Amino acid sequence: MGGGSSKPAPAPARAPAPAPAPAPVYDKAWREVDWTQRDTVNNKLKKLDLNDPDMGQLRILLMGQIGAGKSSFVNSIKSAFSGRIVTTALVDADTGTSFTKKYKTHYIKDGKGRLPFAFNDVMGLEPDESRGVHTDDIVSILGGHVREGYQFNPTCPLTQEKPDYNSSPELKHRVHCLVGVVSANALFGMSDGLKCKLKAIREKASSLDIPQFLVMTKVDDACPEVKRDLRNIYKSKAIKKQMETCSNELGIPMNCILPVKNYHEETKTNNEADVLVLEAIHQIVEAANDYIWTLQQE
């Protein structure tokens, strides 16, 4: 009997090894930060010379969607200058509706006095026309027509015959820099209605030559590597992608987008969060001061 041994079946081909997952961070930061300069920037801002000393302070307007972290940003600014957690701007843990109801100026304490720049907080923006701050109110604020303490009404913006309307604003009443505040983890879900409101306000500010920036908050929620170490913020691919999306969607140059980490659960300040906040404020304040100088030349 022909009893030749059968050939063994060929071994199955090995599947190629899966490609390694792309690293979540770049090898090198694409925007440089000196993490040792907290005190240096702090002192520069405290010694700022206004281009118009008679103004008293530069006025910086913060605007953004509900829950973006405007009031928390104000508290983080005050905390960075104070060296302790400050919570003078009230923040609501439930972000379903705007917690800010009145037009309010937040001054920054410096010893027994205050620094030569201040921040104005407004009601949050919402896509629905009947909710959130009315865009006409923000336009009036840009021109200095809204008095301190004005109560926002989403369906009825301020008009000239109302007592809260300032018909003869001085330069010190006007806005010298417009700062949009957005949450890094909410950019992709921003509605078209909200984008239209933001663009309309930015166009009005542009017509007045008011400098504009965008502060991106909650960066630690948008990237685990940043949450692990805040110094990874300009190495993070996720943060850079969010900034690029924001630039493309809202038309803001990348160098005017400033990511920060607000204080919200901490009981003590830390160097990295302070450096990001102070660097952002330094850039914003210098632009506002330059704007005043430009107006003086006209």
C-alpha atoms as a PDB file:
ATOM      1  CA  MET A   1       0.000   0.000   0.000  1.00  0.00           C
ATOM      2  CA  GLY A   2       1.296   3.336  -0.878  1.00  0.00           C
ATOM      3  CA  GLY A   3       1.548   4.955   2.525  1.00  0.00           C
ATOM      4  CA  GLY A   4       3.326   8.249   1.813  1.00  0.00           C
ATOM      5  CA  SER A   5       3.014  10.733   4.703  1.00  0.00           C
ATOM      6  CA  SER A   6       0.716  13.694   4.032  1.00  0.00           C
ATOM      7  CA  LYS A   7       2.210  17.173   3.967  1.00  0.00           C
ATOM      8  CA  PRO A   8       1.472  19.304   7.037  1.00  0.00           C
ATOM      9  CA  ALA A   9      -0.903  22.169   6.490  1.00  0.00           C
ATOM     10  CA  PRO A  10       0.892  25.496   6.072  1.00  0.00           C
ATOM     11  CA  ALA A  11       0.936  27.649   9.164  1.00  0.00           C
ATOM     12  CA  PRO A  12      -1.535  30.530   8.966  1.00  0.00           C
ATOM     13  CA  ALA A  13       0.033  33.829   8.065  1.00  0.00           C
ATOM     14  CA  ARG A  14       0.595  36.058  11.000  1.00  0.00           C
ATOM     15  CA  ALA A  15      -1.448  39.208  11.080  1.00  0.00           C
ATOM     16  CA  PRO A  16       0.692  42.308  10.911  1.00  0.00           C
ATOM     17  CA  ALA A  17       1.317  43.925  14.249  1.00  0.00           C
ATOM     18  CA  PRO A  18      -1.033  46.857  14.850  1.00  0.00           C
ATOM     19  CA  ALA A  19       0.504  50.231  14.285  1.00  0.00           C
ATOM     20  CA  PRO A  20       1.330  52.003  17.522  1.00  0.00           C
ATOM     21  CA  ALA A  21      -1.191  54.609  18.549  1.00  0.00           C
ATOM     22  CA  PRO A  22      -0.042  58.119  17.718  1.00  0.00           C
ATOM     23  CA  ALA A  23       1.469  59.954  20.648  1.00  0.00           C
ATOM     24  CA  PRO A  24      -0.984  62.424  22.227  1.00  0.00           C
ATOM     25  CA  VAL A  25       1.743  65.067  22.565  1.00  0.00           C
ATOM     26  CA  TYR A  26       4.417  66.566  20.350  1.00  0.00           C
ATOM     27  CA  ASP A  27       8.062  66.071  21.267  1.00  0.00           C
ATOM     28  CA  LYS A  28       8.514  69.818  21.578  1.00  0.00           C
ATOM     29  CA  ALA A  29       6.138  72.593  22.617  1.00  0.00           C
ATOM     30  CA  TRP A  30       4.925  74.599  19.616  1.00  0.00           C
ATOM     31  CA  ARG A  31       4.465  77.739  21.765  1.00  0.00           C
ATOM     32  CA  GLU A  32       7.136  78.580  24.298  1.00  0.00           C
ATOM     33  CA  VAL A  33       6.283  79.294  27.947  1.00  0.00           C
ATOM     34  CA  ASP A  34       8.721  80.303  30.659  1.00  0.00           C
ATOM     35  CA  TRP A  35       7.260  78.528  33.673  1.00  0.00           C
ATOM     36  CA  THR A  36       9.573  80.442  36.035  1.00  0.00           C
ATOM     37  CA  GLN A  37       8.242  83.920  35.180  1.00  0.00           C
ATOM     38  CA  ARG A  38       5.135  84.173  37.378  1.00  0.00           C
ATOM     39  CA  ASP A  39       6.546  86.921  39.591  1.00  0.00           C
ATOM     40  CA  THR A  40       8.116  88.749  36.644  1.00  0.00           C
ATOM     41  CA  VAL A  41       4.857  89.013  34.692  1.00  0.00           C
ATOM     42  CA  ASN A  42       2.938  89.811  37.869  1.00  0.00           C
ATOM     43  CA  ASN A  43       5.254  92.754  38.592  1.00  0.00           C
ATOM     44  CA  LYS A  44       5.120  94.007  34.993  1.00  0.00           C
ATOM     45  CA  LEU A  45       1.340  94.178  35.147  1.00  0.00           C
ATOM     46  CA  LYS A  46       1.376  95.894  38.526  1.00  0.00           C
ATOM     47  CA  LYS A  47       3.751  98.558  37.163  1.00  0.00           C
ATOM     48  CA  LEU A  48       1.849  99.110  33.907  1.00  0.00           C
ATOM     49  CA  ASP A  49       1.886 102.724  32.725  1.00  0.00           C
ATOM     50  CA  LEU A  50      -1.351 103.669  30.984  1.00  0.00           C
ATOM     51  CA  ASN A  51      -0.993 105.507  27.702  1.00  0.00           C
ATOM     52  CA  ASP A  52      -3.733 107.793  29.031  1.00  0.00           C
ATOM     53  CA  PRO A  53      -3.193 108.167  32.806  1.00  0.00           C
ATOM     54  CA  ASP A  54      -6.439 110.137  33.190  1.00  0.00           C
ATOM     55  CA  MET A  55      -8.496 107.070  32.293  1.00  0.00           C
ATOM     56  CA  GLY A  56      -8.043 105.313  35.631  1.00  0.00           C
ATOM     57  CA  GLN A  57      -8.119 101.818  34.189  1.00  0.00           C
ATOM     58  CA  LEU A  58      -8.359  99.868  30.963  1.00  0.00           C
ATOM     59  CA  ARG A  59     -11.725  98.197  30.466  1.00  0.00           C
ATOM     60  CA  ILE A  60     -11.745  94.596  29.200  1.00  0.00           C
ATOM     61  CA  LEU A  61     -15.062  92.972  28.309  1.00  0.00           C
ATOM     62  CA  LEU A  62     -15.516  89.229  28.788  1.00  0.00           C
ATOM     63  CA  MET A  63     -18.227  87.485  26.786  1.00  0.00           C
ATOM     64  CA  GLY A  64     -19.052  83.875  26.013  1.00  0.00           C
ATOM     65  CA  GLN A  65     -21.589  81.107  26.087  1.00  0.00           C
ATOM     66  CA  ILE A  66     -23.188  79.954  29.316  1.00  0.00           C
ATOM     67  CA  GLY A  67     -20.856  77.687  31.296  1.00  0.00           C
ATOM     68  CA  ALA A  68     -17.721  78.769  29.412  1.00  0.00           C
ATOM     69  CA  GLY A  69     -16.099  79.961  32.631  1.00  0.00           C
ATOM     70  CA  LYS A  70     -16.155  83.781  32.430  1.00  0.00           C
ATOM     71  CA  SER A  71     -16.693  84.345  36.144  1.00  0.00           C
ATOM     72  CA  SER A  72     -14.233  81.568  37.017  1.00  0.00           C
ATOM     73  CA  PHE A  73     -11.686  83.298  34.785  1.00  0.00           C
ATOM     74  CA  VAL A  74     -12.189  86.543  36.735  1.00  0.00           C
ATOM     75  CA  ASN A  75     -11.637  84.637  39.982  1.00  0.00           C
ATOM     76  CA  SER A  76      -8.540  82.967  38.533  1.00  0.00           C
ATOM     77  CA  ILE A  77      -7.099  86.366  37.565  1.00  0.00           C
ATOM     78  CA  LYS A  78      -7.644  87.696  41.077  1.00  0.00           C
ATOM     79  CA  SER A  79      -6.191  84.506  42.550  1.00  0.00           C
ATOM     80  CA  ALA A  80      -3.049  84.736  40.407  1.00  0.00           C
ATOM     81  CA  PHE A  81      -2.395  88.281  41.627  1.00  0.00           C
ATOM     82  CA  SER A  82      -3.290  87.529  45.252  1.00  0.00           C
ATOM     83  CA  GLY A  83      -1.405  84.256  45.665  1.00  0.00           C
ATOM     84  CA  ARG A  84      -4.526  82.670  47.165  1.00  0.00           C
ATOM     85  CA  ILE A  85      -7.874  81.444  45.877  1.00  0.00           C
ATOM     86  CA  VAL A  86     -10.296  84.361  45.435  1.00  0.00           C
ATOM     87  CA  THR A  87     -14.010  83.877  44.722  1.00  0.00           C
ATOM     88  CA  THR A  88     -15.487  87.372  44.519  1.00  0.00           C
ATOM     89  CA  ALA A  89     -17.140  86.694  41.138  1.00  0.00           C
ATOM     90  CA  LEU A  90     -20.024  84.354  41.943  1.00  0.00           C
ATOM     91  CA  VAL A  91     -20.104  81.093  40.002  1.00  0.00           C
ATOM     92  CA  ASP A  92     -23.045  78.705  39.676  1.00  0.00           C
ATOM     93  CA  ALA A  93     -22.307  74.984  39.588  1.00  0.00           C
ATOM     94  CA  ASP A  94     -25.461  74.485  37.495  1.00  0.00           C
ATOM     95  CA  THR A  95     -24.615  75.948  34.115  1.00  0.00           C
ATOM     96  CA  GLY A  96     -28.074  75.554  32.562  1.00  0.00           C
ATOM     97  CA  THR A  97     -28.747  79.275  32.797  1.00  0.00           C
ATOM     98  CA  SER A  98     -26.525  82.312  33.109  1.00  0.00           C
ATOM     99  CA  PHE A  99     -25.580  83.178  36.680  1.00  0.00           C
ATOM    100  CA  THR A 100     -24.488  86.707  35.743  1.00  0.00           C
ATOM    101  CA  LYS A 101     -27.550  88.964  35.556  1.00  0.00           C
ATOM    102  CA  LYS A 102     -26.071  92.472  35.858  1.00  0.00           C
ATOM    103  CA  TYR A 103     -23.370  94.467  34.120  1.00  0.00           C
ATOM    104  CA  LYS A 104     -20.542  94.497  36.629  1.00  0.00           C
ATOM    105  CA  THR A 105     -16.960  95.716  36.757  1.00  0.00           C
ATOM    106  CA  HIS A 106     -14.398  93.523  38.514  1.00  0.00           C
ATOM    107  CA  TYR A 107     -11.367  95.432  39.760  1.00  0.00           C
ATOM    108  CA  ILE A 108      -8.066  93.785  40.671  1.00  0.00           C
ATOM    109  CA  LYS A 109      -6.809  94.602  44.147  1.00  0.00           C
ATOM    110  CA  ASP A 110      -3.229  95.781  44.600  1.00  0.00           C
ATOM    111  CA  GLY A 111      -2.458  96.448  48.244  1.00  0.00           C
ATOM    112  CA  LYS A 112      -4.855  99.158  49.338  1.00  0.00           C
ATOM    113  CA  GLY A 113      -5.469 100.280  45.760  1.00  0.00           C
ATOM    114  CA  ARG A 114      -6.292  98.583  42.487  1.00  0.00           C
ATOM    115  CA  LEU A 115      -4.501  97.759  39.254  1.00  0.00           C
ATOM    116  CA  PRO A 116      -4.986  99.994  36.172  1.00  0.00           C
ATOM    117  CA  PHE A 117      -7.188  97.492  34.341  1.00  0.00           C
ATOM    118  CA  ALA A 118     -10.587  95.988  35.069  1.00  0.00           C
ATOM    119  CA  PHE A 119     -12.827  93.263  33.668  1.00  0.00           C
ATOM    120  CA  ASN A 120     -16.504  93.516  32.858  1.00  0.00           C
ATOM    121  CA  ASP A 121     -18.641  90.387  33.013  1.00  0.00           C
ATOM    122  CA  VAL A 122     -21.960  90.046  31.191  1.00  0.00           C
ATOM    123  CA  MET A 123     -24.794  87.559  30.995  1.00  0.00           C
ATOM    124  CA  GLY A 124     -23.878  84.430  29.007  1.00  0.00           C
ATOM    125  CA  LEU A 125     -24.668  84.082  25.315  1.00  0.00           C
ATOM    126  CA  GLU A 126     -27.197  81.485  24.143  1.00  0.00           C
ATOM    127  CA  PRO A 127     -28.214  80.434  20.616  1.00  0.00           C
ATOM    128  CA  ASP A 128     -31.894  81.115  21.326  1.00  0.00           C
ATOM    129  CA  GLU A 129     -32.819  84.746  20.607  1.00  0.00           C
ATOM    130  CA  SER A 130     -35.042  84.878  23.707  1.00  0.00           C
ATOM    131  CA  ARG A 131     -32.350  83.697  26.131  1.00  0.00           C
ATOM    132  CA  GLY A 132     -28.960  84.964  27.235  1.00  0.00           C
ATOM    133  CA  VAL A 133     -27.516  88.435  26.798  1.00  0.00           C
ATOM    134  CA  HIS A 134     -28.910  90.358  23.818  1.00  0.00           C
ATOM    135  CA  THR A 135     -26.259  91.161  21.187  1.00  0.00           C
ATOM    136  CA  ASP A 136     -27.502  94.770  21.063  1.00  0.00           C
ATOM    137  CA  ASP A 137     -26.591  95.127  24.737  1.00  0.00           C
ATOM    138  CA  ILE A 138     -23.032  93.998  24.053  1.00  0.00           C
ATOM    139  CA  VAL A 139     -22.794  96.447  21.158  1.00  0.00           C
ATOM    140  CA  SER A 140     -23.941  99.212  23.532  1.00  0.00           C
ATOM    141  CA  ILE A 141     -21.340  98.124  26.094  1.00  0.00           C
ATOM    142  CA  LEU A 142     -18.576  98.316  23.484  1.00  0.00           C
ATOM    143  CA  GLY A 143     -19.405 101.979  22.967  1.00  0.00           C
ATOM    144  CA  GLY A 144     -19.587 102.754  26.686  1.00  0.00           C
ATOM    145  CA  HIS A 145     -23.359 103.326  26.701  1.00  0.00           C
ATOM    146  CA  VAL A 146     -24.261 100.878  29.517  1.00  0.00           C
ATOM    147  CA  ARG A 147     -24.038 101.982  33.136  1.00  0.00           C
ATOM    148  CA  GLU A 148     -22.756  99.829  35.971  1.00  0.00           C
ATOM    149  CA  GLY A 149     -25.452  97.622  37.510  1.00  0.00           C
ATOM    150  CA  TYR A 150     -27.673  97.447  34.417  1.00  0.00           C
ATOM    151  CA  GLN A 151     -29.984  94.423  34.653  1.00  0.00           C
ATOM    152  CA  PHE A 152     -29.859  92.339  31.476  1.00  0.00           C
ATOM    153  CA  ASN A 153     -33.123  91.420  29.758  1.00  0.00           C
ATOM    154  CA  PRO A 154     -32.705  88.807  26.997  1.00  0.00           C
ATOM    155  CA  THR A 155     -35.813  89.953  25.083  1.00  0.00           C
ATOM    156  CA  CYS A 156     -35.567  93.708  25.644  1.00  0.00           C
ATOM    157  CA  PRO A 157     -32.142  95.330  25.119  1.00  0.00           C
ATOM    158  CA  LEU A 158     -31.248  98.711  26.561  1.00  0.00           C
ATOM    159  CA  THR A 159     -32.552 101.731  24.627  1.00  0.00           C
ATOM    160  CA  GLN A 160     -31.566 105.405  24.706  1.00  0.00           C
ATOM    161  CA  GLU A 161     -34.522 106.578  26.782  1.00  0.00           C
ATOM    162  CA  LYS A 162     -33.714 104.227  29.683  1.00  0.00           C
ATOM    163  CA  PRO A 163     -31.857 105.603  32.772  1.00  0.00           C
ATOM    164  CA  ASP A 164     -29.135 102.916  32.454  1.00  0.00           C
ATOM    165  CA  TYR A 165     -28.190 104.285  29.018  1.00  0.00           C
ATOM    166  CA  ASN A 166     -25.131 106.562  28.986  1.00  0.00           C
ATOM    167  CA  SER A 167     -25.678 108.907  26.063  1.00  0.00           C
ATOM    168  CA  SER A 168     -22.334 110.726  26.461  1.00  0.00           C
ATOM    169  CA  PRO A 169     -19.693 108.106  27.271  1.00  0.00           C
ATOM    170  CA  GLU A 170     -16.079 109.073  27.854  1.00  0.00           C
ATOM    171  CA  LEU A 171     -13.153 106.988  26.671  1.00  0.00           C
ATOM    172  CA  LYS A 172     -12.877 105.387  30.115  1.00  0.00           C
ATOM    173  CA  HIS A 173     -16.435 104.022  29.787  1.00  0.00           C
ATOM    174  CA  ARG A 174     -15.749 102.306  26.466  1.00  0.00           C
ATOM    175  CA  VAL A 175     -14.346  98.815  25.985  1.00  0.00           C
ATOM    176  CA  HIS A 176     -10.635  98.739  25.173  1.00  0.00           C
ATOM    177  CA  CYS A 177     -10.345  95.010  24.515  1.00  0.00           C
ATOM    178  CA  LEU A 178     -12.941  92.316  23.787  1.00  0.00           C
ATOM    179  CA  VAL A 179     -12.228  88.832  25.117  1.00  0.00           C
ATOM    180  CA  GLY A 180     -14.340  85.853  24.158  1.00  0.00           C
ATOM    181  CA  VAL A 181     -14.325  82.946  26.594  1.00  0.00           C
ATOM    182  CA  VAL A 182     -14.992  79.419  25.326  1.00  0.00           C
ATOM    183  CA  SER A 183     -14.720  75.974  26.852  1.00  0.00           C
ATOM    184  CA  ALA A 184     -12.185  73.732  25.112  1.00  0.00           C
ATOM    185  CA  ASN A 185     -14.484  70.716  25.426  1.00  0.00           C
ATOM    186  CA  ALA A 186     -17.517  72.479  23.941  1.00  0.00           C
ATOM    187  CA  LEU A 187     -16.107  73.866  20.689  1.00  0.00           C
ATOM    188  CA  PHE A 188     -17.304  71.085  18.404  1.00  0.00           C
ATOM    189  CA  GLY A 189     -20.826  71.278  19.839  1.00  0.00           C
ATOM    190  CA  MET A 190     -21.224  75.035  19.392  1.00  0.00           C
ATOM    191  CA  SER A 191     -24.456  75.778  17.521  1.00  0.00           C
ATOM    192  CA  ASP A 192     -24.632  77.849  14.352  1.00  0.00           C
ATOM    193  CA  GLY A 193     -26.844  80.342  16.169  1.00  0.00           C
ATOM    194  CA  LEU A 194     -24.208  80.950  18.808  1.00  0.00           C
ATOM    195  CA  LYS A 195     -21.452  81.238  16.212  1.00  0.00           C
ATOM    196  CA  CYS A 196     -23.511  83.855  14.371  1.00  0.00           C
ATOM    197  CA  LYS A 197     -23.923  85.892  17.571  1.00  0.00           C
ATOM    198  CA  LEU A 198     -20.218  85.749  18.316  1.00  0.00           C
ATOM    199  CA  LYS A 199     -19.314  86.755  14.772  1.00  0.00           C
ATOM    200  CA  ALA A 200     -21.793  89.658  14.785  1.00  0.00           C
ATOM    201  CA  ILE A 201     -20.292  91.016  18.010  1.00  0.00           C
ATOM    202  CA  ARG A 202     -16.756  90.567  16.711  1.00  0.00           C
ATOM    203  CA  GLU A 203     -17.633  92.411  13.505  1.00  0.00           C
ATOM    204  CA  LYS A 204     -18.935  95.375  15.506  1.00  0.00           C
ATOM    205  CA  ALA A 205     -15.782  95.374  17.643  1.00  0.00           C
ATOM    206  CA  SER A 206     -13.671  95.225  14.487  1.00  0.00           C
ATOM    207  CA  SER A 207     -15.484  98.239  13.068  1.00  0.00           C
ATOM    208  CA  LEU A 208     -14.365 100.122  16.197  1.00  0.00           C
ATOM    209  CA  ASP A 209     -10.805  98.734  15.875  1.00  0.00           C
ATOM    210  CA  ILE A 210     -11.112  97.165  19.342  1.00  0.00           C
ATOM    211  CA  PRO A 211      -8.469  94.433  19.837  1.00  0.00           C
ATOM    212  CA  GLN A 212      -9.874  90.947  20.358  1.00  0.00           C
ATOM    213  CA  PHE A 213      -8.706  87.746  22.002  1.00  0.00           C
ATOM    214  CA  LEU A 214     -10.177  84.404  22.866  1.00  0.00           C
ATOM    215  CA  VAL A 215      -9.519  82.648  26.174  1.00  0.00           C
ATOM    216  CA  MET A 216      -9.961  78.881  26.038  1.00  0.00           C
ATOM    217  CA  THR A 217     -10.900  77.395  29.423  1.00  0.00           C
ATOM    218  CA  LYS A 218     -11.209  73.848  30.798  1.00  0.00           C
ATOM    219  CA  VAL A 219      -8.145  72.627  28.922  1.00  0.00           C
ATOM    220  CA  ASP A 220      -7.601  69.952  31.567  1.00  0.00           C
ATOM    221  CA  ASP A 221     -10.953  68.385  30.633  1.00  0.00           C
ATOM    222  CA  ALA A 222     -10.073  68.381  26.926  1.00  0.00           C
ATOM    223  CA  CYS A 223      -6.793  66.460  27.191  1.00  0.00           C
ATOM    224  CA  PRO A 224      -5.690  63.839  29.765  1.00  0.00           C
ATOM    225  CA  GLU A 225      -2.027  64.742  29.218  1.00  0.00           C
ATOM    226  CA  VAL A 226      -2.751  68.350  30.166  1.00  0.00           C
ATOM    227  CA  LYS A 227      -4.759  67.214  33.171  1.00  0.00           C
ATOM    228  CA  ARG A 228      -1.768  65.102  34.237  1.00  0.00           C
ATOM    229  CA  ASP A 229       0.719  67.938  33.718  1.00  0.00           C
ATOM    230  CA  LEU A 230      -0.328  71.477  32.768  1.00  0.00           C
ATOM    231  CA  ARG A 231       3.092  72.041  31.239  1.00  0.00           C
ATOM    232  CA  ASN A 232       1.974  69.799  28.366  1.00  0.00           C
ATOM    233  CA  ILE A 233      -0.540  72.393  27.219  1.00  0.00           C
ATOM    234  CA  TYR A 234       1.485  73.493  24.187  1.00  0.00           C
ATOM    235  CA  LYS A 235       2.611  69.954  23.433  1.00  0.00           C
ATOM    236  CA  SER A 236      -0.925  68.569  23.403  1.00  0.00           C
ATOM    237  CA  LYS A 237      -2.213  67.678  19.939  1.00  0.00           C
ATOM    238  CA  ALA A 238      -5.804  67.800  21.209  1.00  0.00           C
ATOM    239  CA  ILE A 239      -5.440  71.359  22.509  1.00  0.00           C
ATOM    240  CA  LYS A 240      -3.799  72.535  19.304  1.00  0.00           C
ATOM    241  CA  LYS A 241      -6.593  70.957  17.270  1.00  0.00           C
ATOM    242  CA  GLN A 242      -9.205  72.712  19.412  1.00  0.00           C
ATOM    243  CA  MET A 243      -7.427  76.026  18.937  1.00  0.00           C
ATOM    244  CA  GLU A 244      -7.230  75.523  15.167  1.00  0.00           C
ATOM    245  CA  THR A 245     -10.934  74.665  15.057  1.00  0.00           C
ATOM    246  CA  CYS A 246     -11.731  77.784  17.037  1.00  0.00           C
ATOM    247  CA  SER A 247      -9.603  79.903  14.724  1.00  0.00           C
ATOM    248  CA  ASN A 248     -11.300  78.496  11.622  1.00  0.00           C
ATOM    249  CA  GLU A 249     -14.850  78.670  13.001  1.00  0.00           C
ATOM    250  CA  LEU A 250     -14.677  82.129  14.588  1.00  0.00           C
ATOM    251  CA  GLY A 251     -11.984  83.797  12.505  1.00  0.00           C
ATOM    252  CA  ILE A 252      -9.603  84.494  15.389  1.00  0.00           C
ATOM    253  CA  PRO A 253      -5.846  84.254  14.694  1.00  0.00           C
ATOM    254  CA  MET A 254      -4.052  81.477  16.531  1.00  0.00           C
ATOM    255  CA  ASN A 255      -1.755  83.924  18.326  1.00  0.00           C
ATOM    256  CA  CYS A 256      -4.845  85.587  19.831  1.00  0.00           C
ATOM    257  CA  ILE A 257      -6.176  82.322  21.304  1.00  0.00           C
ATOM    258  CA  LEU A 258      -4.996  81.875  24.879  1.00  0.00           C
ATOM    259  CA  PRO A 259      -5.640  78.551  26.666  1.00  0.00           C
ATOM    260  CA  VAL A 260      -5.870  78.682  30.462  1.00  0.00           C
ATOM    261  CA  LYS A 261      -6.863  76.481  33.369  1.00  0.00           C
ATOM    262  CA  ASN A 262      -9.319  78.177  35.718  1.00  0.00           C
ATOM    263  CA  TYR A 263      -9.367  77.471  39.428  1.00  0.00           C
ATOM    264  CA  HIS A 264     -12.628  75.722  40.326  1.00  0.00           C
ATOM    265  CA  GLU A 265     -11.935  72.944  42.830  1.00  0.00           C
ATOM    266  CA  GLU A 266      -8.540  73.943  44.208  1.00  0.00           C
ATOM    267  CA  THR A 267      -8.019  75.536  47.605  1.00  0.00           C
ATOM    268  CA  LYS A 268      -4.496  76.752  46.802  1.00  0.00           C
ATOM    269  CA  THR A 269      -2.967  78.402  43.747  1.00  0.00           C
ATOM    270  CA  ASN A 270      -0.222  76.727  41.722  1.00  0.00           C
ATOM    271  CA  ASN A 271       2.566  78.081  39.557  1.00  0.00           C
ATOM    272  CA  GLU A 272       1.534  76.580  36.203  1.00  0.00           C
ATOM    273  CA  ALA A 273      -2.079  77.795  36.294  1.00  0.00           C
ATOM    274  CA  ASP A 274      -0.943  81.249  37.432  1.00  0.00           C
ATOM    275  CA  VAL A 275       1.643  81.536  34.647  1.00  0.00           C
ATOM    276  CA  LEU A 276      -0.937  80.753  31.938  1.00  0.00           C
ATOM    277  CA  VAL A 277      -3.452  83.232  33.364  1.00  0.00           C
ATOM    278  CA  LEU A 278      -0.885  86.006  33.860  1.00  0.00           C
ATOM    279  CA  GLU A 279       0.589  85.488  30.386  1.00  0.00           C
ATOM    280  CA  ALA A 280      -2.897  85.771  28.886  1.00  0.00           C
ATOM    281  CA  ILE A 281      -3.670  88.922  30.878  1.00  0.00           C
ATOM    282  CA  HIS A 282      -0.330  90.476  29.945  1.00  0.00           C
ATOM    283  CA  GLN A 283      -1.059  90.030  26.240  1.00  0.00           C
ATOM    284  CA  ILE A 284      -4.634  91.326  26.601  1.00  0.00           C
ATOM    285  CA  VAL A 285      -3.704  94.371  28.700  1.00  0.00           C
ATOM    286  CA  GLU A 286      -0.838  95.397  26.427  1.00  0.00           C
ATOM    287  CA  ALA A 287      -3.178  95.267  23.413  1.00  0.00           C
ATOM    288  CA  ALA A 288      -5.768  97.381  25.252  1.00  0.00           C
ATOM    289  CA  ASN A 289      -3.099  99.926  26.184  1.00  0.00           C
ATOM    290  CA  ASP A 290      -1.899 100.060  22.563  1.00  0.00           C
ATOM    291  CA  TYR A 291      -5.503 100.701  21.501  1.00  0.00           C
ATOM    292  CA  ILE A 292      -5.668 103.737  23.789  1.00  0.00           C
ATOM    293  CA  TRP A 293      -2.444 105.076  22.289  1.00  0.00           C
ATOM    294  CA  THR A 294      -3.842 104.639  18.775  1.00  0.00           C
ATOM    295  CA  LEU A 295      -6.993 106.572  19.671  1.00  0.00           C
ATOM    296  CA  GLN A 296      -4.865 109.417  20.994  1.00  0.00           C
ATOM    297  CA  GLN A 297      -3.203 109.789  17.610  1.00  0.00           C
ATOM    298  CA  GLU A 298      -6.459 110.388  15.788  1.00  0.00           C
END
